[in-house]
Amino acid sequence: MLIHLYYAQNADIQPILTIAKLIELPLKTQPLDKSMRQKSLETLTENSLFLDKNNQLHLLVDGMKVALNWQGQQQRVVKAGKKTELLLKACKLQPNMQVIDTTAGFGHDSLILASTGANVIMIEENPIMYLLLCHEIQQMQQRTNWQKLIARLKLYFANAQTLLPTLEQADVIYLDPMFPQDSYKTAQVGKHMQVLHRIADIPDIHQETMLLNIAINQIKKGGRVIVKRPNSAPFLANHTTSEQWLGETIRFDGYFKI
């Protein structure tokens, strides 16, 4: 998989190249004139990356440009600490609890989980998403007001089914696999989720069953597995939940180890 990395002339691409080399992701680099407009960016090679003059890394897919933009999540993270997030109501986290986010994606849910003071292991197997996550963590580590939260995150480039059995048991394991394609209308989904659907695979029933069973085995006694689903979607792996937390369009299904 050859990825084109376009970058502003004053951007620092070396950290990205270092990460890409470690995960054996081939990058073809090309500087862009600083006057290039957004419309021009949208016509670049599909599944390419763009590093802007502020060292913000963007993913370009099907004419869409998205970035993790954790800084833009700051208010949500601050409010999440007050447990206004449905995810936190489902997880019931306390400081220093151990959480595993098996499908890190853009990392936004991991930030919410870590806002409670819990330690969060993030697992991501898509090399492009892993590169985005590594770069964002490096950038946010330079911001004083983010350093304590970032220190509670640990990122792995791995398949969750393979890695989970090698880790210590956690208090909470969070599963957010790709939603079934027919569970919602694309027009109702933001760009970030549309992009993920184009670069990540939807698990089949066998993969869902394997992941859920492994996750349940890897939680501590009294722990829980929390699964994010669209309200209209069936249970993951058709496994009836212990408890549910319902939102307007999504829900969280809980599986407990008593």
Protein backbone atom coordinates (compact mmCIF):
# COMPACT_ATOMS: atom_id res chain seq x y z
CA MET A 1 0.00 0.00 0.00
CA LEU A 2 1.73 3.17 -1.21
CA ILE A 3 0.53 6.32 0.54
CA HIS A 4 1.21 9.78 -0.88
CA LEU A 5 2.27 12.29 1.77
CA TYR A 6 1.82 15.88 0.61
CA TYR A 7 3.12 18.59 2.90
CA ALA A 8 3.37 22.34 3.30
CA GLN A 9 6.86 23.64 2.66
CA ASN A 10 7.53 24.55 6.30
CA ALA A 11 6.00 21.37 7.78
CA ASP A 12 8.12 18.82 9.67
CA ILE A 13 7.67 15.44 7.97
CA GLN A 14 10.53 13.57 9.68
CA PRO A 15 8.48 12.22 12.64
CA ILE A 16 5.90 10.87 10.20
CA LEU A 17 8.57 9.18 8.10
CA THR A 18 10.03 7.58 11.23
CA ILE A 19 6.67 6.10 12.26
CA ALA A 20 5.92 4.92 8.73
CA LYS A 21 9.25 3.12 8.58
CA LEU A 22 8.60 1.33 11.87
CA ILE A 23 5.28 -0.05 10.63
CA GLU A 24 6.59 -0.64 7.09
CA LEU A 25 4.11 1.75 5.49
CA PRO A 26 5.61 3.10 2.25
CA LEU A 27 5.22 6.84 1.78
CA LYS A 28 5.85 8.89 -1.33
CA THR A 29 6.48 12.49 -0.26
CA GLN A 30 5.76 15.64 -2.23
CA PRO A 31 5.90 19.30 -1.08
CA LEU A 32 2.96 21.53 -1.98
CA ASP A 33 2.92 25.23 -2.66
CA LYS A 34 1.49 27.11 0.32
CA SER A 35 -1.06 28.80 -1.92
CA MET A 36 -2.79 25.52 -2.82
CA ARG A 37 -6.50 25.80 -2.11
CA GLN A 38 -8.82 23.33 -0.44
CA LYS A 39 -10.45 22.49 -3.76
CA SER A 40 -7.09 21.44 -5.12
CA LEU A 41 -6.37 19.25 -2.09
CA GLU A 42 -9.58 17.32 -2.69
CA THR A 43 -8.34 16.25 -6.12
CA LEU A 44 -5.11 14.65 -4.84
CA THR A 45 -4.43 10.94 -4.91
CA GLU A 46 -7.00 8.89 -2.99
CA ASN A 47 -5.99 7.55 0.45
CA SER A 48 -3.29 10.19 0.71
CA LEU A 49 -2.12 12.36 3.60
CA PHE A 50 -1.56 16.10 3.86
CA LEU A 51 0.57 17.77 6.53
CA ASP A 52 -0.30 21.45 6.80
CA LYS A 53 1.88 24.34 7.94
CA ASN A 54 0.71 23.83 11.55
CA ASN A 55 1.82 20.18 11.46
CA GLN A 56 -1.79 18.99 11.48
CA LEU A 57 -1.99 15.70 9.59
CA HIS A 58 -5.05 15.15 7.40
CA LEU A 59 -6.37 12.07 5.63
CA LEU A 60 -7.80 12.57 2.12
CA VAL A 61 -10.39 10.04 0.92
CA ASP A 62 -13.05 10.40 -1.79
CA GLY A 63 -12.77 14.18 -1.83
CA MET A 64 -13.05 14.40 1.97
CA LYS A 65 -10.30 15.78 4.23
CA VAL A 66 -10.38 14.80 7.90
CA ALA A 67 -7.98 15.10 10.83
CA LEU A 68 -8.01 13.74 14.36
CA ASN A 69 -7.96 17.30 15.72
CA TRP A 70 -7.81 16.35 19.40
CA GLN A 71 -7.43 20.01 20.31
CA GLY A 72 -10.92 20.55 18.93
CA GLN A 73 -12.19 17.89 21.36
CA GLN A 74 -11.01 19.83 24.42
CA GLN A 75 -14.40 21.10 25.58
CA ARG A 76 -15.96 17.68 25.10
CA VAL A 77 -13.17 16.08 27.13
CA VAL A 78 -13.54 18.62 29.94
CA LYS A 79 -17.31 18.10 30.11
CA ALA A 80 -16.86 14.32 29.89
CA GLY A 81 -15.06 14.42 33.22
CA LYS A 82 -18.42 15.37 34.70
CA LYS A 83 -19.82 12.09 33.29
CA THR A 84 -22.21 13.72 30.84
CA GLU A 85 -21.13 11.22 28.16
CA LEU A 86 -23.30 8.13 27.64
CA LEU A 87 -20.10 6.14 27.13
CA LEU A 88 -18.97 6.96 30.65
CA LYS A 89 -22.34 6.08 32.11
CA ALA A 90 -21.91 2.65 30.55
CA CYS A 91 -18.28 2.16 31.58
CA LYS A 92 -18.57 3.48 35.17
CA LEU A 93 -14.86 4.26 35.35
CA GLN A 94 -12.84 5.41 38.33
CA PRO A 95 -9.31 6.92 38.38
CA ASN A 96 -6.52 4.39 37.73
CA MET A 97 -8.85 1.75 36.33
CA GLN A 98 -7.47 -0.14 33.33
CA VAL A 99 -9.33 0.22 30.02
CA ILE A 100 -8.63 -1.27 26.59
CA ASP A 101 -10.03 0.44 23.51
CA THR A 102 -9.78 -2.31 20.91
CA THR A 103 -10.70 -0.14 17.92
CA ALA A 104 -9.05 3.23 18.51
CA GLY A 105 -9.99 4.84 15.19
CA PHE A 106 -9.67 8.62 15.46
CA GLY A 107 -9.04 8.30 19.21
CA HIS A 108 -11.89 10.53 20.36
CA ASP A 109 -13.52 7.88 22.56
CA SER A 110 -10.15 7.03 24.10
CA LEU A 111 -9.81 10.67 25.16
CA ILE A 112 -13.22 10.51 26.81
CA LEU A 113 -12.28 7.31 28.63
CA ALA A 114 -8.97 8.80 29.81
CA SER A 115 -10.71 11.97 31.02
CA THR A 116 -11.90 9.98 34.04
CA GLY A 117 -8.34 9.35 35.21
CA ALA A 118 -8.38 5.79 33.85
CA ASN A 119 -5.38 4.36 31.99
CA VAL A 120 -6.31 3.51 28.41
CA ILE A 121 -4.64 1.07 26.05
CA MET A 122 -5.49 1.93 22.45
CA ILE A 123 -5.29 -0.77 19.78
CA GLU A 124 -5.33 0.10 16.07
CA GLU A 125 -4.52 -2.30 13.23
CA ASN A 126 -5.08 -0.02 10.24
CA PRO A 127 -1.63 1.42 9.39
CA ILE A 128 -2.97 4.75 8.16
CA MET A 129 -5.05 5.30 11.29
CA TYR A 130 -2.14 4.20 13.48
CA LEU A 131 0.11 6.75 11.78
CA LEU A 132 -2.48 9.48 12.36
CA LEU A 133 -2.78 8.50 16.02
CA CYS A 134 0.98 8.43 16.61
CA HIS A 135 1.39 11.84 15.03
CA GLU A 136 -1.47 13.34 17.04
CA ILE A 137 -0.09 11.96 20.31
CA GLN A 138 3.31 13.46 19.52
CA GLN A 139 1.74 16.84 18.80
CA MET A 140 -0.46 16.86 21.91
CA GLN A 141 2.44 15.86 24.17
CA GLN A 142 3.88 19.30 23.45
CA ARG A 143 0.82 21.02 24.97
CA THR A 144 1.21 21.45 28.72
CA ASN A 145 -2.50 21.23 29.50
CA TRP A 146 -2.77 17.88 27.66
CA GLN A 147 0.29 16.11 29.03
CA LYS A 148 -1.36 14.40 32.02
CA LEU A 149 -4.15 12.99 29.87
CA ILE A 150 -1.81 11.88 27.08
CA ALA A 151 0.38 10.12 29.66
CA ARG A 152 -2.60 7.85 30.44
CA LEU A 153 -2.75 6.63 26.83
CA LYS A 154 -0.71 3.74 25.42
CA LEU A 155 -1.01 2.93 21.73
CA TYR A 156 -0.40 -0.44 20.05
CA PHE A 157 -0.25 -1.26 16.34
CA ALA A 158 -1.88 -4.69 16.37
CA ASN A 159 -4.90 -6.84 15.70
CA ALA A 160 -7.08 -6.78 18.81
CA GLN A 161 -7.92 -10.49 18.69
CA THR A 162 -4.21 -11.33 18.67
CA LEU A 163 -3.06 -8.75 21.21
CA LEU A 164 -5.82 -8.98 23.83
CA PRO A 165 -4.86 -12.42 25.22
CA THR A 166 -1.28 -11.18 25.79
CA LEU A 167 -2.36 -8.20 27.93
CA GLU A 168 -3.26 -8.09 31.59
CA GLN A 169 -6.95 -8.30 32.35
CA ALA A 170 -8.71 -4.93 32.29
CA ASP A 171 -11.58 -3.40 34.24
CA VAL A 172 -13.29 -2.36 31.00
CA ILE A 173 -12.80 -3.41 27.38
CA TYR A 174 -14.41 -1.14 24.83
CA LEU A 175 -15.43 -2.41 21.40
CA ASP A 176 -16.43 -0.06 18.61
CA PRO A 177 -16.22 -2.19 15.46
CA MET A 178 -17.35 -0.79 12.13
CA PHE A 179 -21.13 -0.44 12.13
CA PRO A 180 -23.11 -2.66 9.72
CA GLN A 181 -23.39 -0.90 6.36
CA ASP A 182 -27.20 -1.00 6.38
CA SER A 183 -27.61 0.20 9.97
CA TYR A 184 -27.82 3.88 9.10
CA LYS A 185 -27.99 6.21 6.13
CA THR A 186 -24.67 7.61 4.94
CA ALA A 187 -26.18 11.10 4.74
CA GLN A 188 -26.66 11.03 8.51
CA VAL A 189 -23.03 10.21 9.22
CA GLY A 190 -20.20 12.73 9.64
CA LYS A 191 -17.12 12.78 7.44
CA HIS A 192 -14.96 10.95 9.98
CA MET A 193 -17.21 7.88 9.97
CA GLN A 194 -17.64 8.00 6.20
CA VAL A 195 -13.87 7.97 5.80
CA LEU A 196 -13.47 5.05 8.20
CA HIS A 197 -16.01 3.05 6.23
CA ARG A 198 -13.89 3.53 3.13
CA ILE A 199 -10.56 2.42 4.61
CA ALA A 200 -11.60 -0.14 7.26
CA ASP A 201 -13.34 -3.51 6.96
CA ILE A 202 -16.67 -4.40 8.53
CA PRO A 203 -16.22 -7.56 10.65
CA ASP A 204 -18.16 -10.69 9.71
CA ILE A 205 -20.11 -12.74 12.25
CA HIS A 206 -17.12 -15.01 12.93
CA GLN A 207 -14.83 -12.06 13.63
CA GLU A 208 -17.46 -10.44 15.85
CA THR A 209 -17.88 -13.63 17.86
CA MET A 210 -14.14 -14.12 18.28
CA LEU A 211 -13.56 -10.52 19.38
CA LEU A 212 -16.45 -10.47 21.85
CA ASN A 213 -15.51 -13.80 23.42
CA ILE A 214 -11.86 -12.83 23.78
CA ALA A 215 -12.84 -9.48 25.30
CA ILE A 216 -15.16 -11.09 27.86
CA ASN A 217 -12.38 -13.50 28.86
CA GLN A 218 -9.92 -10.61 29.30
CA ILE A 219 -11.91 -8.53 31.78
CA LYS A 220 -11.44 -8.81 35.50
CA LYS A 221 -14.06 -10.32 37.76
CA GLY A 222 -16.68 -7.61 38.16
CA GLY A 223 -15.52 -5.97 34.94
CA ARG A 224 -17.45 -5.21 31.78
CA VAL A 225 -17.21 -5.19 28.02
CA ILE A 226 -18.93 -2.19 26.44
CA VAL A 227 -19.94 -2.30 22.76
CA LYS A 228 -20.97 0.74 20.71
CA ARG A 229 -23.79 0.05 18.23
CA PRO A 230 -26.34 1.97 16.14
CA ASN A 231 -29.78 1.74 17.75
CA SER A 232 -31.09 -0.20 14.76
CA ALA A 233 -28.26 -2.75 14.66
CA PRO A 234 -28.47 -6.27 16.11
CA PHE A 235 -26.37 -7.28 19.09
CA LEU A 236 -22.71 -7.84 18.27
CA ALA A 237 -22.30 -11.51 17.31
CA ASN A 238 -26.04 -11.88 18.14
CA HIS A 239 -25.00 -12.09 21.80
CA THR A 240 -27.72 -10.76 24.12
CA THR A 241 -26.49 -7.92 26.32
CA SER A 242 -26.53 -7.72 30.11
CA GLU A 243 -27.54 -4.04 30.08
CA GLN A 244 -28.05 -1.23 27.56
CA TRP A 245 -27.63 2.54 27.56
CA LEU A 246 -29.62 4.22 24.79
CA GLY A 247 -28.92 7.52 23.02
CA GLU A 248 -30.76 9.20 20.17
CA THR A 249 -28.98 7.28 17.40
CA ILE A 250 -26.50 4.98 19.13
CA ARG A 251 -26.49 2.72 22.14
CA PHE A 252 -23.93 1.01 24.35
CA ASP A 253 -24.36 -2.69 25.13
CA GLY A 254 -22.78 -4.05 28.30
CA TYR A 255 -21.52 -7.57 28.99
CA PHE A 256 -20.53 -8.25 32.60
CA LYS A 257 -18.25 -10.77 34.30
CA ILE A 258 -19.73 -11.48 37.71
